[in-house]
Amino acid sequence: MIIPTFSEAVIKFKDFLSSQSLPVDIFWVFREDIHQTSLKKIYIHMPIPKDRPLLANRAFDLGRDKNLVRIDAICLLGTSTVATVWYPRDTNEIPQGWEEGFRLGIRDPLYPALTLSGLRWKAITNLTNYRKSQHIPHQMLLSILDIVQQTPSGNPAPPSS
């Protein structure tokens, strides 16, 4: 299976969102940007850093190199969809029955997110149960560190075409 480029994949993802009557404006997030305390209570750190589209592109390219990558809508934020890119970092993370390819997903149900910034976000992320209380499966969200560590220069690579 040939996996599209990131820009082609984003077009397919937006078409998929539109077909489900969901917003096509996308905020890209990673593990450091989100905190979920229950099925319906999802917090997003605001403002979302400007480098997230570049990191999403890099994560997609890393997954594309492994021939396994997915884009998932994980919540809503106003009139935008909050999405992430995921790929298995090693063979232990490959979902059963998914040998190769590109997938799109929408969390069901897709709940609206709450926003936190500054000291409120810092207070929540410094709680000892911060990681334990996240109800989004660990493997569904990549850490920014995962992406940067797999880039030779230690910085996200420029977008591919």
N, C-alpha and C. Protein backbone atom coordinates (compact mmCIF):
# COMPACT_ATOMS: atom_id res chain seq x y z
N MET A 1 0.84 -1.18 0.00
CA MET A 1 0.00 0.00 0.00
C MET A 1 0.89 1.25 0.00
N ILE A 2 0.56 2.17 -0.87
CA ILE A 2 1.31 3.41 -0.93
C ILE A 2 0.62 4.42 0.00
N ILE A 3 1.40 4.97 0.91
CA ILE A 3 0.88 5.95 1.85
C ILE A 3 1.07 7.34 1.26
N PRO A 4 0.04 8.17 1.33
CA PRO A 4 0.15 9.52 0.75
C PRO A 4 1.14 10.38 1.53
N THR A 5 1.52 11.49 0.94
CA THR A 5 2.33 12.48 1.66
C THR A 5 1.46 13.10 2.74
N PHE A 6 2.06 13.83 3.64
CA PHE A 6 1.31 14.47 4.72
C PHE A 6 0.26 15.42 4.16
N SER A 7 0.64 16.24 3.20
CA SER A 7 -0.33 17.21 2.65
C SER A 7 -1.49 16.49 1.97
N GLU A 8 -1.22 15.40 1.27
CA GLU A 8 -2.30 14.61 0.65
C GLU A 8 -3.17 13.96 1.73
N ALA A 9 -2.53 13.48 2.79
CA ALA A 9 -3.25 12.83 3.88
C ALA A 9 -4.16 13.83 4.59
N VAL A 10 -3.70 15.06 4.77
CA VAL A 10 -4.52 16.09 5.42
C VAL A 10 -5.75 16.39 4.57
N ILE A 11 -5.59 16.43 3.27
CA ILE A 11 -6.74 16.64 2.38
C ILE A 11 -7.75 15.51 2.55
N LYS A 12 -7.26 14.27 2.58
CA LYS A 12 -8.15 13.11 2.79
C LYS A 12 -8.83 13.19 4.15
N PHE A 13 -8.08 13.60 5.17
CA PHE A 13 -8.62 13.71 6.51
C PHE A 13 -9.72 14.78 6.56
N LYS A 14 -9.47 15.92 5.93
CA LYS A 14 -10.47 16.99 5.90
C LYS A 14 -11.73 16.53 5.14
N ASP A 15 -11.55 15.78 4.06
CA ASP A 15 -12.70 15.23 3.34
C ASP A 15 -13.48 14.28 4.24
N PHE A 16 -12.75 13.46 4.99
CA PHE A 16 -13.36 12.51 5.92
C PHE A 16 -14.14 13.26 7.00
N LEU A 17 -13.53 14.30 7.58
CA LEU A 17 -14.22 15.10 8.60
C LEU A 17 -15.48 15.73 8.01
N SER A 18 -15.36 16.31 6.83
CA SER A 18 -16.49 16.96 6.18
C SER A 18 -17.62 15.96 5.93
N SER A 19 -17.28 14.75 5.54
CA SER A 19 -18.31 13.73 5.28
C SER A 19 -19.06 13.35 6.55
N GLN A 20 -18.46 13.64 7.70
CA GLN A 20 -19.10 13.36 8.98
C GLN A 20 -19.68 14.63 9.62
N SER A 21 -19.75 15.71 8.84
CA SER A 21 -20.25 17.02 9.28
C SER A 21 -19.46 17.58 10.46
N LEU A 22 -18.15 17.38 10.42
CA LEU A 22 -17.26 17.89 11.46
C LEU A 22 -16.41 19.03 10.89
N PRO A 23 -15.92 19.92 11.77
CA PRO A 23 -15.09 21.04 11.30
C PRO A 23 -13.82 20.56 10.62
N VAL A 24 -13.43 21.24 9.55
CA VAL A 24 -12.23 20.86 8.82
C VAL A 24 -11.01 21.70 9.20
N ASP A 25 -11.20 22.71 10.04
CA ASP A 25 -10.07 23.46 10.58
C ASP A 25 -9.44 22.57 11.66
N ILE A 26 -8.13 22.33 11.57
CA ILE A 26 -7.48 21.34 12.44
C ILE A 26 -6.46 22.00 13.36
N PHE A 27 -6.53 21.62 14.64
CA PHE A 27 -5.47 21.90 15.60
C PHE A 27 -4.74 20.58 15.83
N TRP A 28 -3.42 20.57 15.63
CA TRP A 28 -2.62 19.37 15.85
C TRP A 28 -2.10 19.38 17.28
N VAL A 29 -2.22 18.25 17.97
CA VAL A 29 -1.73 18.15 19.34
C VAL A 29 -0.96 16.86 19.55
N PHE A 30 -0.19 16.87 20.64
CA PHE A 30 0.56 15.69 21.07
C PHE A 30 0.34 15.51 22.56
N ARG A 31 0.93 14.49 23.12
CA ARG A 31 0.68 14.12 24.52
C ARG A 31 0.86 15.29 25.48
N GLU A 32 1.83 16.15 25.22
CA GLU A 32 2.11 17.27 26.12
C GLU A 32 1.03 18.35 26.08
N ASP A 33 0.16 18.30 25.09
CA ASP A 33 -0.84 19.34 24.89
C ASP A 33 -2.22 19.00 25.43
N ILE A 34 -2.39 17.78 25.89
CA ILE A 34 -3.73 17.31 26.22
C ILE A 34 -3.75 16.57 27.55
N HIS A 35 -4.84 16.71 28.25
CA HIS A 35 -5.04 15.98 29.50
C HIS A 35 -6.51 15.59 29.60
N GLN A 36 -6.76 14.31 29.77
CA GLN A 36 -8.12 13.84 29.85
C GLN A 36 -8.36 13.20 31.21
N THR A 37 -9.34 13.70 31.93
CA THR A 37 -9.62 13.19 33.28
C THR A 37 -10.81 12.24 33.32
N SER A 38 -11.61 12.24 32.28
CA SER A 38 -12.72 11.29 32.16
C SER A 38 -13.07 11.21 30.68
N LEU A 39 -14.01 10.35 30.36
CA LEU A 39 -14.37 10.17 28.96
C LEU A 39 -14.81 11.49 28.32
N LYS A 40 -15.52 12.32 29.09
CA LYS A 40 -16.06 13.56 28.54
C LYS A 40 -15.24 14.80 28.86
N LYS A 41 -14.28 14.70 29.75
CA LYS A 41 -13.54 15.89 30.18
C LYS A 41 -12.11 15.85 29.63
N ILE A 42 -11.90 16.65 28.59
CA ILE A 42 -10.62 16.71 27.90
C ILE A 42 -10.12 18.16 27.97
N TYR A 43 -8.92 18.33 28.46
CA TYR A 43 -8.32 19.66 28.56
C TYR A 43 -7.23 19.81 27.50
N ILE A 44 -7.21 20.97 26.87
CA ILE A 44 -6.18 21.30 25.88
C ILE A 44 -5.41 22.49 26.42
N HIS A 45 -4.08 22.40 26.34
CA HIS A 45 -3.22 23.50 26.76
C HIS A 45 -3.25 24.58 25.68
N MET A 46 -3.61 25.77 26.09
CA MET A 46 -3.68 26.90 25.17
C MET A 46 -2.66 27.95 25.54
N PRO A 47 -2.10 28.68 24.63
CA PRO A 47 -2.31 28.47 23.20
C PRO A 47 -1.55 27.23 22.72
N ILE A 48 -2.08 26.61 21.68
CA ILE A 48 -1.39 25.46 21.09
C ILE A 48 -0.15 26.00 20.38
N PRO A 49 1.03 25.48 20.68
CA PRO A 49 2.26 25.99 20.06
C PRO A 49 2.22 25.95 18.54
N LYS A 50 2.84 26.94 17.93
CA LYS A 50 2.81 27.09 16.48
C LYS A 50 3.59 26.00 15.74
N ASP A 51 4.44 25.25 16.45
CA ASP A 51 5.23 24.22 15.78
C ASP A 51 4.47 22.91 15.59
N ARG A 52 3.25 22.80 16.09
CA ARG A 52 2.53 21.53 16.03
C ARG A 52 2.25 21.02 14.62
N PRO A 53 1.89 21.88 13.65
CA PRO A 53 1.73 21.34 12.29
C PRO A 53 3.03 20.75 11.74
N LEU A 54 4.15 21.39 12.03
CA LEU A 54 5.45 20.87 11.60
C LEU A 54 5.74 19.53 12.26
N LEU A 55 5.43 19.44 13.57
CA LEU A 55 5.64 18.17 14.28
C LEU A 55 4.69 17.09 13.77
N ALA A 56 3.46 17.46 13.46
CA ALA A 56 2.51 16.48 12.90
C ALA A 56 3.03 15.96 11.57
N ASN A 57 3.57 16.86 10.75
CA ASN A 57 4.15 16.47 9.47
C ASN A 57 5.32 15.50 9.69
N ARG A 58 6.18 15.84 10.63
CA ARG A 58 7.34 14.99 10.91
C ARG A 58 6.91 13.63 11.44
N ALA A 59 5.94 13.61 12.35
CA ALA A 59 5.44 12.34 12.88
C ALA A 59 4.85 11.49 11.75
N PHE A 60 4.12 12.15 10.85
CA PHE A 60 3.53 11.43 9.72
C PHE A 60 4.63 10.82 8.86
N ASP A 61 5.67 11.60 8.57
CA ASP A 61 6.78 11.09 7.76
C ASP A 61 7.48 9.91 8.43
N LEU A 62 7.64 9.98 9.74
CA LEU A 62 8.25 8.85 10.47
C LEU A 62 7.38 7.61 10.36
N GLY A 63 6.07 7.79 10.50
CA GLY A 63 5.16 6.66 10.34
C GLY A 63 5.11 6.15 8.92
N ARG A 64 5.17 7.07 7.99
CA ARG A 64 5.17 6.70 6.57
C ARG A 64 6.41 5.85 6.24
N ASP A 65 7.55 6.22 6.84
CA ASP A 65 8.77 5.43 6.65
C ASP A 65 8.61 4.01 7.18
N LYS A 66 7.77 3.84 8.21
CA LYS A 66 7.53 2.51 8.79
C LYS A 66 6.35 1.80 8.12
N ASN A 67 5.70 2.51 7.18
CA ASN A 67 4.55 2.00 6.44
C ASN A 67 3.34 1.75 7.34
N LEU A 68 3.25 2.48 8.46
CA LEU A 68 2.12 2.41 9.38
C LEU A 68 1.91 3.79 10.00
N VAL A 69 0.80 4.44 9.67
CA VAL A 69 0.55 5.77 10.23
C VAL A 69 -0.95 6.05 10.22
N ARG A 70 -1.39 6.79 11.22
CA ARG A 70 -2.80 7.16 11.27
C ARG A 70 -2.97 8.60 11.74
N ILE A 71 -4.08 9.19 11.31
CA ILE A 71 -4.48 10.51 11.78
C ILE A 71 -5.83 10.33 12.46
N ASP A 72 -5.94 10.84 13.68
CA ASP A 72 -7.17 10.70 14.45
C ASP A 72 -7.69 12.03 14.95
N ALA A 73 -9.00 12.23 14.83
CA ALA A 73 -9.68 13.35 15.48
C ALA A 73 -9.96 12.88 16.91
N ILE A 74 -9.52 13.67 17.90
CA ILE A 74 -9.69 13.23 19.28
C ILE A 74 -10.68 14.07 20.09
N CYS A 75 -10.97 15.29 19.64
CA CYS A 75 -11.97 16.12 20.31
C CYS A 75 -12.24 17.35 19.45
N LEU A 76 -13.16 18.17 19.91
CA LEU A 76 -13.48 19.41 19.22
C LEU A 76 -13.04 20.58 20.07
N LEU A 77 -12.67 21.66 19.42
CA LEU A 77 -12.29 22.88 20.12
C LEU A 77 -12.92 24.05 19.37
N GLY A 78 -14.04 24.51 19.90
CA GLY A 78 -14.78 25.56 19.20
C GLY A 78 -15.23 25.06 17.85
N THR A 79 -14.84 25.76 16.79
CA THR A 79 -15.21 25.36 15.43
C THR A 79 -14.07 24.63 14.73
N SER A 80 -13.23 23.97 15.52
CA SER A 80 -12.09 23.22 14.97
C SER A 80 -12.09 21.79 15.50
N THR A 81 -11.40 20.95 14.76
CA THR A 81 -11.19 19.57 15.18
C THR A 81 -9.77 19.46 15.72
N VAL A 82 -9.62 18.82 16.86
CA VAL A 82 -8.31 18.58 17.44
C VAL A 82 -7.88 17.18 16.99
N ALA A 83 -6.71 17.11 16.38
CA ALA A 83 -6.25 15.85 15.80
C ALA A 83 -4.81 15.56 16.19
N THR A 84 -4.43 14.31 16.01
CA THR A 84 -3.07 13.89 16.27
C THR A 84 -2.64 12.88 15.20
N VAL A 85 -1.34 12.73 15.07
CA VAL A 85 -0.75 11.74 14.17
C VAL A 85 -0.12 10.68 15.05
N TRP A 86 -0.30 9.43 14.69
CA TRP A 86 0.29 8.33 15.47
C TRP A 86 0.91 7.30 14.54
N TYR A 87 2.01 6.74 14.99
CA TYR A 87 2.64 5.60 14.32
C TYR A 87 3.27 4.74 15.41
N PRO A 88 3.44 3.44 15.18
CA PRO A 88 4.06 2.60 16.20
C PRO A 88 5.56 2.86 16.25
N ARG A 89 6.06 3.11 17.45
CA ARG A 89 7.49 3.37 17.60
C ARG A 89 8.30 2.09 17.55
N ASP A 90 7.69 0.96 17.89
CA ASP A 90 8.36 -0.33 17.77
C ASP A 90 7.32 -1.41 17.50
N THR A 91 7.76 -2.63 17.25
CA THR A 91 6.84 -3.70 16.86
C THR A 91 5.83 -4.05 17.95
N ASN A 92 6.14 -3.79 19.19
CA ASN A 92 5.21 -4.08 20.28
C ASN A 92 3.97 -3.19 20.24
N GLU A 93 4.06 -2.05 19.58
CA GLU A 93 2.94 -1.11 19.52
C GLU A 93 2.05 -1.28 18.29
N ILE A 94 2.39 -2.20 17.41
CA ILE A 94 1.59 -2.38 16.21
C ILE A 94 0.28 -3.06 16.61
N PRO A 95 -0.85 -2.40 16.32
CA PRO A 95 -2.14 -3.00 16.66
C PRO A 95 -2.36 -4.32 15.92
N GLN A 96 -2.96 -5.25 16.60
CA GLN A 96 -3.23 -6.55 16.01
C GLN A 96 -4.10 -6.38 14.77
N GLY A 97 -3.71 -7.03 13.69
CA GLY A 97 -4.47 -6.98 12.45
C GLY A 97 -4.12 -5.81 11.54
N TRP A 98 -3.21 -4.97 11.96
CA TRP A 98 -2.82 -3.82 11.13
C TRP A 98 -1.37 -4.00 10.74
N GLU A 99 -1.15 -4.56 9.59
CA GLU A 99 0.20 -4.88 9.14
C GLU A 99 0.89 -3.71 8.45
N GLU A 100 0.10 -2.91 7.73
CA GLU A 100 0.67 -1.79 7.01
C GLU A 100 -0.43 -0.82 6.61
N GLY A 101 -0.01 0.38 6.23
CA GLY A 101 -0.95 1.31 5.64
C GLY A 101 -1.20 2.57 6.42
N PHE A 102 -2.21 3.27 5.93
CA PHE A 102 -2.60 4.59 6.41
C PHE A 102 -4.06 4.52 6.81
N ARG A 103 -4.36 5.05 7.99
CA ARG A 103 -5.74 5.03 8.48
C ARG A 103 -6.15 6.41 8.98
N LEU A 104 -7.45 6.65 8.88
CA LEU A 104 -8.05 7.85 9.44
C LEU A 104 -9.05 7.41 10.49
N GLY A 105 -9.15 8.20 11.56
CA GLY A 105 -10.10 7.84 12.61
C GLY A 105 -10.72 9.06 13.25
N ILE A 106 -11.91 8.84 13.81
CA ILE A 106 -12.61 9.86 14.58
C ILE A 106 -13.07 9.19 15.86
N ARG A 107 -12.68 9.75 16.97
CA ARG A 107 -13.10 9.22 18.25
C ARG A 107 -14.62 9.31 18.35
N ASP A 108 -15.22 8.25 18.88
CA ASP A 108 -16.67 8.23 18.98
C ASP A 108 -17.08 7.91 20.41
N PRO A 109 -17.73 8.84 21.07
CA PRO A 109 -18.15 10.15 20.60
C PRO A 109 -17.01 11.16 20.64
N LEU A 110 -17.15 12.18 19.87
CA LEU A 110 -16.15 13.23 19.78
C LEU A 110 -16.61 14.40 20.65
N TYR A 111 -16.03 14.51 21.84
CA TYR A 111 -16.46 15.51 22.82
C TYR A 111 -15.75 16.84 22.63
N PRO A 112 -16.38 17.92 23.07
CA PRO A 112 -15.70 19.22 23.04
C PRO A 112 -14.64 19.30 24.15
N ALA A 113 -13.56 19.98 23.85
CA ALA A 113 -12.47 20.13 24.82
C ALA A 113 -12.67 21.39 25.65
N LEU A 114 -12.07 21.37 26.82
CA LEU A 114 -11.97 22.55 27.67
C LEU A 114 -10.55 23.08 27.52
N THR A 115 -10.36 24.37 27.71
CA THR A 115 -9.01 24.91 27.56
C THR A 115 -8.46 25.38 28.90
N LEU A 116 -7.16 25.22 29.02
CA LEU A 116 -6.43 25.69 30.19
C LEU A 116 -5.15 26.36 29.70
N SER A 117 -4.72 27.38 30.42
CA SER A 117 -3.46 28.02 30.07
C SER A 117 -2.71 28.41 31.33
N GLY A 118 -1.50 28.81 31.13
CA GLY A 118 -0.67 29.35 32.20
C GLY A 118 -0.60 28.51 33.46
N LEU A 119 -0.87 29.15 34.58
CA LEU A 119 -0.73 28.50 35.88
C LEU A 119 -1.70 27.36 36.08
N ARG A 120 -2.89 27.45 35.50
CA ARG A 120 -3.85 26.34 35.64
C ARG A 120 -3.33 25.08 34.96
N TRP A 121 -2.77 25.24 33.76
CA TRP A 121 -2.21 24.07 33.07
C TRP A 121 -1.03 23.53 33.86
N LYS A 122 -0.17 24.40 34.32
CA LYS A 122 1.00 23.98 35.08
C LYS A 122 0.59 23.22 36.34
N ALA A 123 -0.44 23.71 37.01
CA ALA A 123 -0.92 23.05 38.22
C ALA A 123 -1.41 21.64 37.91
N ILE A 124 -2.16 21.48 36.84
CA ILE A 124 -2.67 20.14 36.49
C ILE A 124 -1.54 19.21 36.08
N THR A 125 -0.62 19.69 35.28
CA THR A 125 0.45 18.80 34.80
C THR A 125 1.47 18.47 35.87
N ASN A 126 1.50 19.23 36.96
CA ASN A 126 2.41 18.91 38.05
C ASN A 126 1.80 17.95 39.06
N LEU A 127 0.54 17.61 38.89
CA LEU A 127 -0.08 16.64 39.79
C LEU A 127 0.56 15.27 39.58
N THR A 128 0.73 14.54 40.65
CA THR A 128 1.41 13.24 40.54
C THR A 128 0.62 12.25 39.70
N ASN A 129 -0.69 12.38 39.62
CA ASN A 129 -1.48 11.42 38.85
C ASN A 129 -1.78 11.91 37.42
N TYR A 130 -1.09 12.94 36.98
CA TYR A 130 -1.34 13.51 35.66
C TYR A 130 -1.33 12.45 34.56
N ARG A 131 -0.25 11.69 34.43
CA ARG A 131 -0.17 10.67 33.38
C ARG A 131 -1.10 9.50 33.64
N LYS A 132 -1.23 9.11 34.90
CA LYS A 132 -2.06 7.96 35.23
C LYS A 132 -3.53 8.21 34.94
N SER A 133 -3.95 9.46 35.07
CA SER A 133 -5.37 9.75 34.93
C SER A 133 -5.80 10.01 33.50
N GLN A 134 -4.88 9.98 32.55
CA GLN A 134 -5.26 10.21 31.17
C GLN A 134 -6.00 8.99 30.64
N HIS A 135 -7.17 9.21 30.10
CA HIS A 135 -7.99 8.12 29.60
C HIS A 135 -7.80 7.88 28.11
N ILE A 136 -7.01 8.71 27.47
CA ILE A 136 -6.66 8.44 26.08
C ILE A 136 -5.54 7.42 26.13
N PRO A 137 -5.68 6.31 25.40
CA PRO A 137 -4.62 5.30 25.46
C PRO A 137 -3.26 5.91 25.16
N HIS A 138 -2.27 5.53 25.96
CA HIS A 138 -0.91 6.04 25.83
C HIS A 138 -0.42 5.92 24.39
N GLN A 139 -0.70 4.78 23.77
CA GLN A 139 -0.16 4.57 22.43
C GLN A 139 -0.83 5.43 21.37
N MET A 140 -1.96 6.06 21.68
CA MET A 140 -2.63 6.89 20.69
C MET A 140 -2.01 8.27 20.56
N LEU A 141 -1.28 8.70 21.56
CA LEU A 141 -0.68 10.03 21.53
C LEU A 141 0.84 9.91 21.59
N LEU A 142 1.49 10.46 20.61
CA LEU A 142 2.95 10.51 20.63
C LEU A 142 3.41 11.69 21.46
N SER A 143 4.54 11.53 22.08
CA SER A 143 5.17 12.64 22.76
C SER A 143 6.03 13.39 21.74
N ILE A 144 6.17 14.68 21.95
CA ILE A 144 7.04 15.47 21.08
C ILE A 144 8.45 14.89 21.13
N LEU A 145 8.85 14.41 22.28
CA LEU A 145 10.18 13.81 22.44
C LEU A 145 10.35 12.61 21.52
N ASP A 146 9.29 11.81 21.33
CA ASP A 146 9.36 10.66 20.42
C ASP A 146 9.76 11.11 19.02
N ILE A 147 9.19 12.22 18.59
CA ILE A 147 9.41 12.71 17.23
C ILE A 147 10.80 13.33 17.11
N VAL A 148 11.16 14.16 18.06
CA VAL A 148 12.46 14.84 18.02
C VAL A 148 13.60 13.85 18.13
N GLN A 149 13.46 12.83 18.96
CA GLN A 149 14.53 11.84 19.13
C GLN A 149 14.77 11.05 17.86
N GLN A 150 13.78 10.91 17.00
CA GLN A 150 13.94 10.14 15.78
C GLN A 150 14.35 11.00 14.59
N THR A 151 14.64 12.26 14.85
CA THR A 151 15.09 13.17 13.80
C THR A 151 16.59 13.38 13.99
N PRO A 152 17.40 13.10 12.99
CA PRO A 152 18.85 13.16 13.15
C PRO A 152 19.39 14.44 13.80
N SER A 153 18.85 15.60 13.44
CA SER A 153 19.38 16.85 13.98
C SER A 153 18.84 17.16 15.38
N GLY A 154 17.82 16.40 15.83
CA GLY A 154 17.18 16.69 17.10
C GLY A 154 16.11 17.75 16.99
N ASN A 155 15.91 18.27 15.79
CA ASN A 155 14.85 19.25 15.54
C ASN A 155 13.92 18.67 14.49
N PRO A 156 12.65 19.05 14.53
CA PRO A 156 11.74 18.55 13.51
C PRO A 156 12.24 18.89 12.12
N ALA A 157 12.11 17.95 11.22
CA ALA A 157 12.55 18.15 9.84
C ALA A 157 11.56 19.04 9.11
N PRO A 158 12.01 19.69 8.06
CA PRO A 158 11.08 20.50 7.28
C PRO A 158 10.02 19.61 6.65
N PRO A 159 8.85 20.16 6.38
CA PRO A 159 7.76 19.37 5.81
C PRO A 159 8.16 18.74 4.49
N SER A 160 7.59 17.53 4.27
CA SER A 160 7.80 16.88 2.98
C SER A 160 6.71 17.35 2.03
N SER A 161 6.93 17.13 0.78
CA SER A 161 5.91 17.57 -0.18
C SER A 161 5.00 16.43 -0.55
